[in-house]
Amino acid sequence: LVTVITDHTCTACHSRVDVANANAARVPAAS
């Protein structure tokens, strides 16, 4: 109940901040 297998939350990929990587800046999926 801790380890994430999949995360299909829309904003998990479609955002400019990568929460899973120390909030690093990134290009949102498909911009």
PDB file of all heavy atoms in Angstrom:
ATOM      1  N   LEU A   1       0.815  -1.218   0.000  1.00  0.00           N
ATOM      2  CA  LEU A   1       0.000   0.000   0.000  1.00  0.00           C
ATOM      3  C   LEU A   1       0.850   1.271   0.000  1.00  0.00           C
ATOM      4  O   LEU A   1       0.365   2.360   0.334  1.00  0.00           O
ATOM      5  CB  LEU A   1      -0.957   0.022   1.196  1.00  0.00           C
ATOM      6  CG  LEU A   1      -1.964  -1.142   1.284  1.00  0.00           C
ATOM      7  CD1 LEU A   1      -2.861  -0.970   2.491  1.00  0.00           C
ATOM      8  CD2 LEU A   1      -2.765  -1.261   0.013  1.00  0.00           C
ATOM      9  N   VAL A   2       2.117   1.143  -0.396  1.00  0.00           N
ATOM     10  CA  VAL A   2       3.014   2.294  -0.476  1.00  0.00           C
ATOM     11  C   VAL A   2       3.641   2.391  -1.864  1.00  0.00           C
ATOM     12  O   VAL A   2       3.658   3.462  -2.487  1.00  0.00           O
ATOM     13  CB  VAL A   2       4.126   2.225   0.599  1.00  0.00           C
ATOM     14  CG1 VAL A   2       5.117   3.375   0.420  1.00  0.00           C
ATOM     15  CG2 VAL A   2       3.526   2.246   1.984  1.00  0.00           C
ATOM     16  N   THR A   3       4.128   1.274  -2.356  1.00  0.00           N
ATOM     17  CA  THR A   3       4.795   1.247  -3.651  1.00  0.00           C
ATOM     18  C   THR A   3       3.790   1.481  -4.774  1.00  0.00           C
ATOM     19  O   THR A   3       2.766   0.796  -4.851  1.00  0.00           O
ATOM     20  CB  THR A   3       5.511  -0.088  -3.876  1.00  0.00           C
ATOM     21  OG1 THR A   3       6.394  -0.335  -2.784  1.00  0.00           O
ATOM     22  CG2 THR A   3       6.283  -0.081  -5.189  1.00  0.00           C
ATOM     23  N   VAL A   4       4.082   2.459  -5.621  1.00  0.00           N
ATOM     24  CA  VAL A   4       3.199   2.790  -6.735  1.00  0.00           C
ATOM     25  C   VAL A   4       3.529   1.899  -7.924  1.00  0.00           C
ATOM     26  O   VAL A   4       4.667   1.882  -8.404  1.00  0.00           O
ATOM     27  CB  VAL A   4       3.334   4.268  -7.132  1.00  0.00           C
ATOM     28  CG1 VAL A   4       2.495   4.571  -8.373  1.00  0.00           C
ATOM     29  CG2 VAL A   4       2.923   5.166  -5.967  1.00  0.00           C
ATOM     30  N   ILE A   5       2.540   1.130  -8.380  1.00  0.00           N
ATOM     31  CA  ILE A   5       2.722   0.282  -9.560  1.00  0.00           C
ATOM     32  C   ILE A   5       2.434   1.076 -10.824  1.00  0.00           C
ATOM     33  O   ILE A   5       3.238   1.106 -11.756  1.00  0.00           O
ATOM     34  CB  ILE A   5       1.811  -0.962  -9.477  1.00  0.00           C
ATOM     35  CG1 ILE A   5       2.167  -1.796  -8.244  1.00  0.00           C
ATOM     36  CG2 ILE A   5       1.925  -1.790 -10.754  1.00  0.00           C
ATOM     37  CD1 ILE A   5       1.244  -2.984  -8.040  1.00  0.00           C
ATOM     38  N   THR A   6       1.292   1.747 -10.855  1.00  0.00           N
ATOM     39  CA  THR A   6       0.939   2.619 -11.981  1.00  0.00           C
ATOM     40  C   THR A   6       0.293   3.882 -11.444  1.00  0.00           C
ATOM     41  O   THR A   6      -0.354   3.869 -10.393  1.00  0.00           O
ATOM     42  CB  THR A   6      -0.039   1.940 -12.957  1.00  0.00           C
ATOM     43  OG1 THR A   6      -1.260   1.615 -12.259  1.00  0.00           O
ATOM     44  CG2 THR A   6       0.559   0.670 -13.561  1.00  0.00           C
ATOM     45  N   ASP A   7       0.475   4.964 -12.154  1.00  0.00           N
ATOM     46  CA  ASP A   7      -0.177   6.228 -11.820  1.00  0.00           C
ATOM     47  C   ASP A   7      -0.725   6.823 -13.113  1.00  0.00           C
ATOM     48  O   ASP A   7       0.010   7.376 -13.915  1.00  0.00           O
ATOM     49  CB  ASP A   7       0.800   7.200 -11.161  1.00  0.00           C
ATOM     50  CG  ASP A   7       0.095   8.464 -10.658  1.00  0.00           C
ATOM     51  OD1 ASP A   7      -1.107   8.625 -10.938  1.00  0.00           O
ATOM     52  OD2 ASP A   7       0.756   9.293  -9.993  1.00  0.00           O
ATOM     53  N   HIS A   8      -2.029   6.675 -13.311  1.00  0.00           N
ATOM     54  CA  HIS A   8      -2.682   7.168 -14.517  1.00  0.00           C
ATOM     55  C   HIS A   8      -3.453   8.460 -14.255  1.00  0.00           C
ATOM     56  O   HIS A   8      -4.329   8.831 -15.045  1.00  0.00           O
ATOM     57  CB  HIS A   8      -3.611   6.094 -15.082  1.00  0.00           C
ATOM     58  CG  HIS A   8      -2.877   4.890 -15.574  1.00  0.00           C
ATOM     59  ND1 HIS A   8      -3.448   3.638 -15.629  1.00  0.00           N
ATOM     60  CD2 HIS A   8      -1.592   4.739 -16.019  1.00  0.00           C
ATOM     61  CE1 HIS A   8      -2.565   2.769 -16.099  1.00  0.00           C
ATOM     62  NE2 HIS A   8      -1.434   3.425 -16.339  1.00  0.00           N
ATOM     63  N   THR A   9      -3.139   9.135 -13.150  1.00  0.00           N
ATOM     64  CA  THR A   9      -3.706  10.458 -12.918  1.00  0.00           C
ATOM     65  C   THR A   9      -3.311  11.366 -14.079  1.00  0.00           C
ATOM     66  O   THR A   9      -2.139  11.416 -14.462  1.00  0.00           O
ATOM     67  CB  THR A   9      -3.175  11.035 -11.595  1.00  0.00           C
ATOM     68  OG1 THR A   9      -3.432  10.117 -10.542  1.00  0.00           O
ATOM     69  CG2 THR A   9      -3.819  12.384 -11.292  1.00  0.00           C
ATOM     70  N   CYS A  10      -4.267  12.064 -14.657  1.00  0.00           N
ATOM     71  CA  CYS A  10      -3.980  12.866 -15.852  1.00  0.00           C
ATOM     72  C   CYS A  10      -2.833  13.837 -15.624  1.00  0.00           C
ATOM     73  O   CYS A  10      -1.912  13.949 -16.439  1.00  0.00           O
ATOM     74  CB  CYS A  10      -5.228  13.616 -16.293  1.00  0.00           C
ATOM     75  SG  CYS A  10      -6.629  12.555 -16.719  1.00  0.00           S
ATOM     76  N   THR A  11      -2.873  14.537 -14.488  1.00  0.00           N
ATOM     77  CA  THR A  11      -1.852  15.552 -14.229  1.00  0.00           C
ATOM     78  C   THR A  11      -0.526  14.959 -13.771  1.00  0.00           C
ATOM     79  O   THR A  11       0.449  15.697 -13.600  1.00  0.00           O
ATOM     80  CB  THR A  11      -2.363  16.555 -13.191  1.00  0.00           C
ATOM     81  OG1 THR A  11      -2.874  15.840 -12.046  1.00  0.00           O
ATOM     82  CG2 THR A  11      -3.470  17.422 -13.773  1.00  0.00           C
ATOM     83  N   ALA A  12      -0.467  13.648 -13.582  1.00  0.00           N
ATOM     84  CA  ALA A  12       0.815  13.027 -13.241  1.00  0.00           C
ATOM     85  C   ALA A  12       1.786  13.113 -14.410  1.00  0.00           C
ATOM     86  O   ALA A  12       2.999  13.156 -14.218  1.00  0.00           O
ATOM     87  CB  ALA A  12       0.604  11.572 -12.838  1.00  0.00           C
ATOM     88  N   CYS A  13       1.266  13.135 -15.627  1.00  0.00           N
ATOM     89  CA  CYS A  13       2.103  13.261 -16.832  1.00  0.00           C
ATOM     90  C   CYS A  13       1.920  14.612 -17.510  1.00  0.00           C
ATOM     91  O   CYS A  13       2.863  15.153 -18.095  1.00  0.00           O
ATOM     92  CB  CYS A  13       1.771  12.154 -17.833  1.00  0.00           C
ATOM     93  SG  CYS A  13       2.167  10.489 -17.261  1.00  0.00           S
ATOM     94  N   HIS A  14       0.693  15.137 -17.449  1.00  0.00           N
ATOM     95  CA  HIS A  14       0.390  16.379 -18.159  1.00  0.00           C
ATOM     96  C   HIS A  14       0.546  17.580 -17.234  1.00  0.00           C
ATOM     97  O   HIS A  14      -0.415  18.285 -16.912  1.00  0.00           O
ATOM     98  CB  HIS A  14      -1.022  16.310 -18.744  1.00  0.00           C
ATOM     99  CG  HIS A  14      -1.174  15.278 -19.811  1.00  0.00           C
ATOM    100  ND1 HIS A  14      -0.707  15.462 -21.095  1.00  0.00           N
ATOM    101  CD2 HIS A  14      -1.715  14.033 -19.781  1.00  0.00           C
ATOM    102  CE1 HIS A  14      -0.970  14.379 -21.826  1.00  0.00           C
ATOM    103  NE2 HIS A  14      -1.576  13.499 -21.041  1.00  0.00           N
ATOM    104  N   SER A  15       1.780  17.795 -16.790  1.00  0.00           N
ATOM    105  CA  SER A  15       2.120  18.953 -15.956  1.00  0.00           C
ATOM    106  C   SER A  15       3.585  19.293 -16.181  1.00  0.00           C
ATOM    107  O   SER A  15       4.358  18.491 -16.701  1.00  0.00           O
ATOM    108  CB  SER A  15       1.867  18.657 -14.476  1.00  0.00           C
ATOM    109  OG  SER A  15       2.755  17.649 -14.012  1.00  0.00           O
ATOM    110  N   ARG A  16       3.980  20.493 -15.772  1.00  0.00           N
ATOM    111  CA  ARG A  16       5.348  20.965 -16.000  1.00  0.00           C
ATOM    112  C   ARG A  16       6.275  20.642 -14.836  1.00  0.00           C
ATOM    113  O   ARG A  16       7.444  21.024 -14.854  1.00  0.00           O
ATOM    114  CB  ARG A  16       5.342  22.476 -16.252  1.00  0.00           C
ATOM    115  CG  ARG A  16       4.477  22.891 -17.433  1.00  0.00           C
ATOM    116  CD  ARG A  16       4.642  24.350 -17.744  1.00  0.00           C
ATOM    117  NE  ARG A  16       3.693  24.763 -18.792  1.00  0.00           N
ATOM    118  CZ  ARG A  16       3.899  25.775 -19.616  1.00  0.00           C
ATOM    119  NH1 ARG A  16       5.005  26.493 -19.526  1.00  0.00           N
ATOM    120  NH2 ARG A  16       3.006  26.087 -20.526  1.00  0.00           N
ATOM    121  N   VAL A  17       5.759  19.942 -13.846  1.00  0.00           N
ATOM    122  CA  VAL A  17       6.552  19.569 -12.675  1.00  0.00           C
ATOM    123  C   VAL A  17       6.462  18.064 -12.480  1.00  0.00           C
ATOM    124  O   VAL A  17       5.375  17.492 -12.450  1.00  0.00           O
ATOM    125  CB  VAL A  17       6.060  20.305 -11.411  1.00  0.00           C
ATOM    126  CG1 VAL A  17       6.815  19.815 -10.181  1.00  0.00           C
ATOM    127  CG2 VAL A  17       6.218  21.800 -11.568  1.00  0.00           C
ATOM    128  N   ASP A  18       7.597  17.422 -12.355  1.00  0.00           N
ATOM    129  CA  ASP A  18       7.659  15.979 -12.143  1.00  0.00           C
ATOM    130  C   ASP A  18       7.705  15.706 -10.646  1.00  0.00           C
ATOM    131  O   ASP A  18       8.770  15.748 -10.018  1.00  0.00           O
ATOM    132  CB  ASP A  18       8.895  15.402 -12.840  1.00  0.00           C
ATOM    133  CG  ASP A  18       8.895  13.879 -12.846  1.00  0.00           C
ATOM    134  OD1 ASP A  18       8.050  13.290 -12.159  1.00  0.00           O
ATOM    135  OD2 ASP A  18       9.747  13.289 -13.538  1.00  0.00           O
ATOM    136  N   VAL A  19       6.551  15.461 -10.055  1.00  0.00           N
ATOM    137  CA  VAL A  19       6.451  15.263  -8.611  1.00  0.00           C
ATOM    138  C   VAL A  19       7.273  14.061  -8.168  1.00  0.00           C
ATOM    139  O   VAL A  19       7.884  14.063  -7.088  1.00  0.00           O
ATOM    140  CB  VAL A  19       4.976  15.102  -8.196  1.00  0.00           C
ATOM    141  CG1 VAL A  19       4.853  14.807  -6.703  1.00  0.00           C
ATOM    142  CG2 VAL A  19       4.183  16.354  -8.559  1.00  0.00           C
ATOM    143  N   ALA A  20       7.295  13.019  -9.009  1.00  0.00           N
ATOM    144  CA  ALA A  20       8.022  11.797  -8.640  1.00  0.00           C
ATOM    145  C   ALA A  20       9.528  11.971  -8.742  1.00  0.00           C
ATOM    146  O   ALA A  20      10.285  11.081  -8.354  1.00  0.00           O
ATOM    147  CB  ALA A  20       7.571  10.645  -9.535  1.00  0.00           C
ATOM    148  N   ASN A  21       9.995  13.106  -9.262  1.00  0.00           N
ATOM    149  CA  ASN A  21      11.427  13.343  -9.428  1.00  0.00           C
ATOM    150  C   ASN A  21      11.811  14.690  -8.806  1.00  0.00           C
ATOM    151  O   ASN A  21      12.341  15.583  -9.474  1.00  0.00           O
ATOM    152  CB  ASN A  21      11.792  13.305 -10.918  1.00  0.00           C
ATOM    153  CG  ASN A  21      13.286  13.377 -11.160  1.00  0.00           C
ATOM    154  OD1 ASN A  21      14.099  13.038 -10.294  1.00  0.00           O
ATOM    155  ND2 ASN A  21      13.654  13.843 -12.349  1.00  0.00           N
ATOM    156  N   ALA A  22      11.478  14.813  -7.534  1.00  0.00           N
ATOM    157  CA  ALA A  22      11.854  15.999  -6.746  1.00  0.00           C
ATOM    158  C   ALA A  22      11.350  17.298  -7.376  1.00  0.00           C
ATOM    159  O   ALA A  22      12.018  18.334  -7.326  1.00  0.00           O
ATOM    160  CB  ALA A  22      13.367  16.053  -6.571  1.00  0.00           C
ATOM    161  N   ASN A  23      10.180  17.236  -7.959  1.00  0.00           N
ATOM    162  CA  ASN A  23       9.546  18.416  -8.557  1.00  0.00           C
ATOM    163  C   ASN A  23      10.397  19.080  -9.637  1.00  0.00           C
ATOM    164  O   ASN A  23      10.377  20.310  -9.814  1.00  0.00           O
ATOM    165  CB  ASN A  23       9.187  19.439  -7.477  1.00  0.00           C
ATOM    166  CG  ASN A  23       8.077  18.955  -6.567  1.00  0.00           C
ATOM    167  OD1 ASN A  23       7.203  18.206  -6.985  1.00  0.00           O
ATOM    168  ND2 ASN A  23       8.114  19.383  -5.316  1.00  0.00           N
ATOM    169  N   ALA A  24      11.135  18.251 -10.368  1.00  0.00           N
ATOM    170  CA  ALA A  24      11.968  18.784 -11.445  1.00  0.00           C
ATOM    171  C   ALA A  24      11.093  19.292 -12.576  1.00  0.00           C
ATOM    172  O   ALA A  24      10.010  18.766 -12.850  1.00  0.00           O
ATOM    173  CB  ALA A  24      12.912  17.689 -11.955  1.00  0.00           C
ATOM    174  N   ALA A  25      11.570  20.327 -13.256  1.00  0.00           N
ATOM    175  CA  ALA A  25      10.853  20.843 -14.420  1.00  0.00           C
ATOM    176  C   ALA A  25      10.901  19.824 -15.539  1.00  0.00           C
ATOM    177  O   ALA A  25      11.917  19.141 -15.747  1.00  0.00           O
ATOM    178  CB  ALA A  25      11.465  22.156 -14.870  1.00  0.00           C
ATOM    179  N   ARG A  26       9.821  19.707 -16.261  1.00  0.00           N
ATOM    180  CA  ARG A  26       9.768  18.784 -17.402  1.00  0.00           C
ATOM    181  C   ARG A  26       8.720  19.250 -18.380  1.00  0.00           C
ATOM    182  O   ARG A  26       7.812  20.021 -18.041  1.00  0.00           O
ATOM    183  CB  ARG A  26       9.496  17.349 -16.937  1.00  0.00           C
ATOM    184  CG  ARG A  26       8.229  17.158 -16.076  1.00  0.00           C
ATOM    185  CD  ARG A  26       7.100  16.509 -16.851  1.00  0.00           C
ATOM    186  NE  ARG A  26       5.876  16.442 -16.061  1.00  0.00           N
ATOM    187  CZ  ARG A  26       5.515  15.368 -15.362  1.00  0.00           C
ATOM    188  NH1 ARG A  26       6.259  14.297 -15.324  1.00  0.00           N
ATOM    189  NH2 ARG A  26       4.353  15.388 -14.700  1.00  0.00           N
ATOM    190  N   VAL A  27       8.822  18.773 -19.618  1.00  0.00           N
ATOM    191  CA  VAL A  27       7.820  19.074 -20.639  1.00  0.00           C
ATOM    192  C   VAL A  27       6.619  18.176 -20.397  1.00  0.00           C
ATOM    193  O   VAL A  27       6.768  16.951 -20.300  1.00  0.00           O
ATOM    194  CB  VAL A  27       8.388  18.850 -22.053  1.00  0.00           C
ATOM    195  CG1 VAL A  27       7.286  19.017 -23.099  1.00  0.00           C
ATOM    196  CG2 VAL A  27       9.539  19.810 -22.327  1.00  0.00           C
ATOM    197  N   PRO A  28       5.410  18.733 -20.275  1.00  0.00           N
ATOM    198  CA  PRO A  28       4.234  17.881 -20.102  1.00  0.00           C
ATOM    199  C   PRO A  28       4.077  16.923 -21.281  1.00  0.00           C
ATOM    200  O   PRO A  28       4.481  17.248 -22.414  1.00  0.00           O
ATOM    201  CB  PRO A  28       3.072  18.879 -20.057  1.00  0.00           C
ATOM    202  CG  PRO A  28       3.691  20.201 -19.777  1.00  0.00           C
ATOM    203  CD  PRO A  28       5.059  20.153 -20.350  1.00  0.00           C
ATOM    204  N   ALA A  29       3.537  15.757 -21.025  1.00  0.00           N
ATOM    205  CA  ALA A  29       3.294  14.805 -22.109  1.00  0.00           C
ATOM    206  C   ALA A  29       2.495  15.479 -23.205  1.00  0.00           C
ATOM    207  O   ALA A  29       1.483  16.143 -22.942  1.00  0.00           O
ATOM    208  CB  ALA A  29       2.547  13.584 -21.573  1.00  0.00           C
ATOM    209  N   ALA A  30       2.962  15.350 -24.459  1.00  0.00           N
ATOM    210  CA  ALA A  30       2.331  15.956 -25.630  1.00  0.00           C
ATOM    211  C   ALA A  30       2.261  17.483 -25.535  1.00  0.00           C
ATOM    212  O   ALA A  30       1.445  18.107 -26.204  1.00  0.00           O
ATOM    213  CB  ALA A  30       0.941  15.378 -25.868  1.00  0.00           C
ATOM    214  N   SER A  31       3.121  18.067 -24.695  1.00  0.00           N
ATOM    215  CA  SER A  31       3.085  19.526 -24.458  1.00  0.00           C
ATOM    216  C   SER A  31       1.694  19.980 -24.027  1.00  0.00           C
ATOM    217  O   SER A  31       1.280  21.115 -24.292  1.00  0.00           O
ATOM    218  CB  SER A  31       3.533  20.296 -25.702  1.00  0.00           C
ATOM    219  OG  SER A  31       4.915  20.120 -25.934  1.00  0.00           O
TER     220      SER A  31
END
